[in-house]
Structure formats: C-alpha cells, structure tokens
Amino acid sequence: MKDLEADKSQQDVRLAAVMRAMGHPTRLRILERISEGEFCVSELEQALSVRQANVSQHLAILRDRGLVRAVRNGKTTCYYLTDPRIAEAIALVRRVLG
C-alpha cells in the first residue's frame, strides 16, 4: 500500500513540474506553434518575436520536462511535441476557461 502511495506521490511531483513548465505564456505559445509541426529555433524566434536565447531557454525547460524533443540537422536544431495529446490538453484548458 505504501508503494502505491509513493508512486502516486512521484506522479504528482512530475505532474506539477510539467504543469509549471506549461504555465509560462511563452512556453505555451511555443507548444502551440510546435503542435502545428516541427519548428526550428530560428523559425520560433521569428514566429513569436522572441529572442533566440530566450526561445532556447524555454525549449530547454520543455525538453527537460519531456514535452518536446530535439532533432539536430547539421547546425540547425528543430523541435517537435513528444505526444500530440499535449496540444489537446492545452486546447482543453482553453475551452474550460472559455
């Protein structure tokens, strides 16, 4: 029984970390943009009007939380969602909020 509680507690900690990562407006915009397909850092910089260094910092957080993955192609790094349900979760919360 204690093992189940410990597992639940670990899941709660991970969920809270993911929710914090998604809780920043710029990171939400990045996730929504990436949900449309694979985007490179420079493309996100232009699309969101955010400096490259800032985009990279936000992507590092999203990558650390397992929300996005990076694909390196020469000097370019592009990102995609690890699971399309991430975009669905964001859309669901938007609908709940009206």
C-alpha atoms as a PDB file:
ATOM      1  CA  MET A   1       0.000   0.000   0.000  1.00  0.00           C
ATOM      2  CA  LYS A   2       2.840   2.382   0.845  1.00  0.00           C
ATOM      3  CA  ASP A   3       4.447   1.635  -2.543  1.00  0.00           C
ATOM      4  CA  LEU A   4       1.251   2.748  -4.291  1.00  0.00           C
ATOM      5  CA  GLU A   5       1.229   5.957  -2.267  1.00  0.00           C
ATOM      6  CA  ALA A   6       4.892   6.578  -3.064  1.00  0.00           C
ATOM      7  CA  ASP A   7       4.215   6.019  -6.779  1.00  0.00           C
ATOM      8  CA  LYS A   8       1.252   8.403  -6.634  1.00  0.00           C
ATOM      9  CA  SER A   9       3.385  10.979  -4.864  1.00  0.00           C
ATOM     10  CA  GLN A  10       6.112  10.690  -7.521  1.00  0.00           C
ATOM     11  CA  GLN A  11       3.498  11.078 -10.251  1.00  0.00           C
ATOM     12  CA  ASP A  12       2.135  14.165  -8.505  1.00  0.00           C
ATOM     13  CA  VAL A  13       5.615  15.704  -8.360  1.00  0.00           C
ATOM     14  CA  ARG A  14       6.183  15.019 -12.060  1.00  0.00           C
ATOM     15  CA  LEU A  15       2.741  16.347 -12.995  1.00  0.00           C
ATOM     16  CA  ALA A  16       3.351  19.534 -11.025  1.00  0.00           C
ATOM     17  CA  ALA A  17       6.700  20.031 -12.801  1.00  0.00           C
ATOM     18  CA  VAL A  18       5.059  19.592 -16.209  1.00  0.00           C
ATOM     19  CA  MET A  19       2.242  21.980 -15.290  1.00  0.00           C
ATOM     20  CA  ARG A  20       4.781  24.591 -14.134  1.00  0.00           C
ATOM     21  CA  ALA A  21       6.638  24.233 -17.426  1.00  0.00           C
ATOM     22  CA  MET A  22       3.402  24.736 -19.349  1.00  0.00           C
ATOM     23  CA  GLY A  23       2.429  27.641 -17.097  1.00  0.00           C
ATOM     24  CA  HIS A  24       4.605  30.275 -18.787  1.00  0.00           C
ATOM     25  CA  PRO A  25       2.949  32.258 -21.619  1.00  0.00           C
ATOM     26  CA  THR A  26       5.951  31.994 -23.946  1.00  0.00           C
ATOM     27  CA  ARG A  27       6.250  28.262 -23.392  1.00  0.00           C
ATOM     28  CA  LEU A  28       2.533  27.837 -24.103  1.00  0.00           C
ATOM     29  CA  ARG A  29       2.952  29.752 -27.363  1.00  0.00           C
ATOM     30  CA  ILE A  30       5.942  27.572 -28.265  1.00  0.00           C
ATOM     31  CA  LEU A  31       3.988  24.381 -27.557  1.00  0.00           C
ATOM     32  CA  GLU A  32       1.026  25.565 -29.591  1.00  0.00           C
ATOM     33  CA  ARG A  33       3.267  26.534 -32.514  1.00  0.00           C
ATOM     34  CA  ILE A  34       5.147  23.226 -32.392  1.00  0.00           C
ATOM     35  CA  SER A  35       1.833  21.367 -32.329  1.00  0.00           C
ATOM     36  CA  GLU A  36       1.439  22.505 -35.959  1.00  0.00           C
ATOM     37  CA  GLY A  37       4.604  20.608 -36.900  1.00  0.00           C
ATOM     38  CA  GLU A  38       8.347  20.568 -36.409  1.00  0.00           C
ATOM     39  CA  PHE A  39       9.871  24.028 -35.875  1.00  0.00           C
ATOM     40  CA  CYS A  40      13.470  25.154 -35.721  1.00  0.00           C
ATOM     41  CA  VAL A  41      14.662  27.677 -33.148  1.00  0.00           C
ATOM     42  CA  SER A  42      15.066  30.419 -35.752  1.00  0.00           C
ATOM     43  CA  GLU A  43      11.519  29.822 -37.017  1.00  0.00           C
ATOM     44  CA  LEU A  44      10.140  30.040 -33.485  1.00  0.00           C
ATOM     45  CA  GLU A  45      12.148  33.211 -32.881  1.00  0.00           C
ATOM     46  CA  GLN A  46      10.531  34.856 -35.904  1.00  0.00           C
ATOM     47  CA  ALA A  47       7.033  33.473 -35.350  1.00  0.00           C
ATOM     48  CA  LEU A  48       6.892  34.507 -31.694  1.00  0.00           C
ATOM     49  CA  SER A  49       9.020  37.689 -31.864  1.00  0.00           C
ATOM     50  CA  VAL A  50      11.188  36.360 -29.029  1.00  0.00           C
ATOM     51  CA  ARG A  51      14.983  36.493 -28.994  1.00  0.00           C
ATOM     52  CA  GLN A  52      16.810  33.281 -29.891  1.00  0.00           C
ATOM     53  CA  ALA A  53      18.441  32.962 -26.481  1.00  0.00           C
ATOM     54  CA  ASN A  54      15.059  33.256 -24.785  1.00  0.00           C
ATOM     55  CA  VAL A  55      13.474  30.688 -27.120  1.00  0.00           C
ATOM     56  CA  SER A  56      16.354  28.298 -26.428  1.00  0.00           C
ATOM     57  CA  GLN A  57      15.965  28.690 -22.653  1.00  0.00           C
ATOM     58  CA  HIS A  58      12.248  27.940 -22.829  1.00  0.00           C
ATOM     59  CA  LEU A  59      12.839  24.964 -25.117  1.00  0.00           C
ATOM     60  CA  ALA A  60      15.392  23.576 -22.658  1.00  0.00           C
ATOM     61  CA  ILE A  61      12.767  23.625 -19.901  1.00  0.00           C
ATOM     62  CA  LEU A  62      10.182  21.976 -22.140  1.00  0.00           C
ATOM     63  CA  ARG A  63      12.729  19.361 -23.212  1.00  0.00           C
ATOM     64  CA  ASP A  64      13.742  18.654 -19.591  1.00  0.00           C
ATOM     65  CA  ARG A  65      10.080  18.058 -18.715  1.00  0.00           C
ATOM     66  CA  GLY A  66       9.663  15.668 -21.644  1.00  0.00           C
ATOM     67  CA  LEU A  67       7.216  17.831 -23.586  1.00  0.00           C
ATOM     68  CA  VAL A  68       9.367  18.360 -26.685  1.00  0.00           C
ATOM     69  CA  ARG A  69      12.203  16.543 -28.433  1.00  0.00           C
ATOM     70  CA  ALA A  70      15.018  17.986 -30.476  1.00  0.00           C
ATOM     71  CA  VAL A  71      16.215  16.793 -33.858  1.00  0.00           C
ATOM     72  CA  ARG A  72      19.594  18.039 -34.994  1.00  0.00           C
ATOM     73  CA  ASN A  73      20.143  18.591 -38.698  1.00  0.00           C
ATOM     74  CA  GLY A  74      23.638  19.982 -39.223  1.00  0.00           C
ATOM     75  CA  LYS A  75      23.797  23.316 -37.401  1.00  0.00           C
ATOM     76  CA  THR A  76      20.027  23.538 -37.081  1.00  0.00           C
ATOM     77  CA  THR A  77      18.018  22.105 -34.210  1.00  0.00           C
ATOM     78  CA  CYS A  78      14.295  21.595 -34.684  1.00  0.00           C
ATOM     79  CA  TYR A  79      11.710  20.607 -32.102  1.00  0.00           C
ATOM     80  CA  TYR A  80       8.512  18.614 -32.067  1.00  0.00           C
ATOM     81  CA  LEU A  81       5.981  17.539 -29.426  1.00  0.00           C
ATOM     82  CA  THR A  82       6.682  14.221 -27.757  1.00  0.00           C
ATOM     83  CA  ASP A  83       2.963  13.463 -27.732  1.00  0.00           C
ATOM     84  CA  PRO A  84       0.135  15.167 -29.683  1.00  0.00           C
ATOM     85  CA  ARG A  85      -2.061  14.964 -26.591  1.00  0.00           C
ATOM     86  CA  ILE A  86      -0.043  17.871 -25.174  1.00  0.00           C
ATOM     87  CA  ALA A  87      -1.742  20.153 -27.706  1.00  0.00           C
ATOM     88  CA  GLU A  88      -5.089  18.562 -26.854  1.00  0.00           C
ATOM     89  CA  ALA A  89      -4.513  19.267 -23.144  1.00  0.00           C
ATOM     90  CA  ILE A  90      -3.797  22.934 -23.867  1.00  0.00           C
ATOM     91  CA  ALA A  91      -6.899  23.176 -26.075  1.00  0.00           C
ATOM     92  CA  LEU A  92      -8.999  21.519 -23.368  1.00  0.00           C
ATOM     93  CA  VAL A  93      -7.901  24.022 -20.730  1.00  0.00           C
ATOM     94  CA  ARG A  94      -8.603  26.894 -23.164  1.00  0.00           C
ATOM     95  CA  ARG A  95     -12.139  25.532 -23.675  1.00  0.00           C
ATOM     96  CA  VAL A  96     -12.669  25.178 -19.910  1.00  0.00           C
ATOM     97  CA  LEU A  97     -11.618  28.792 -19.424  1.00  0.00           C
ATOM     98  CA  GLY A  98     -13.922  29.907 -22.237  1.00  0.00           C
END
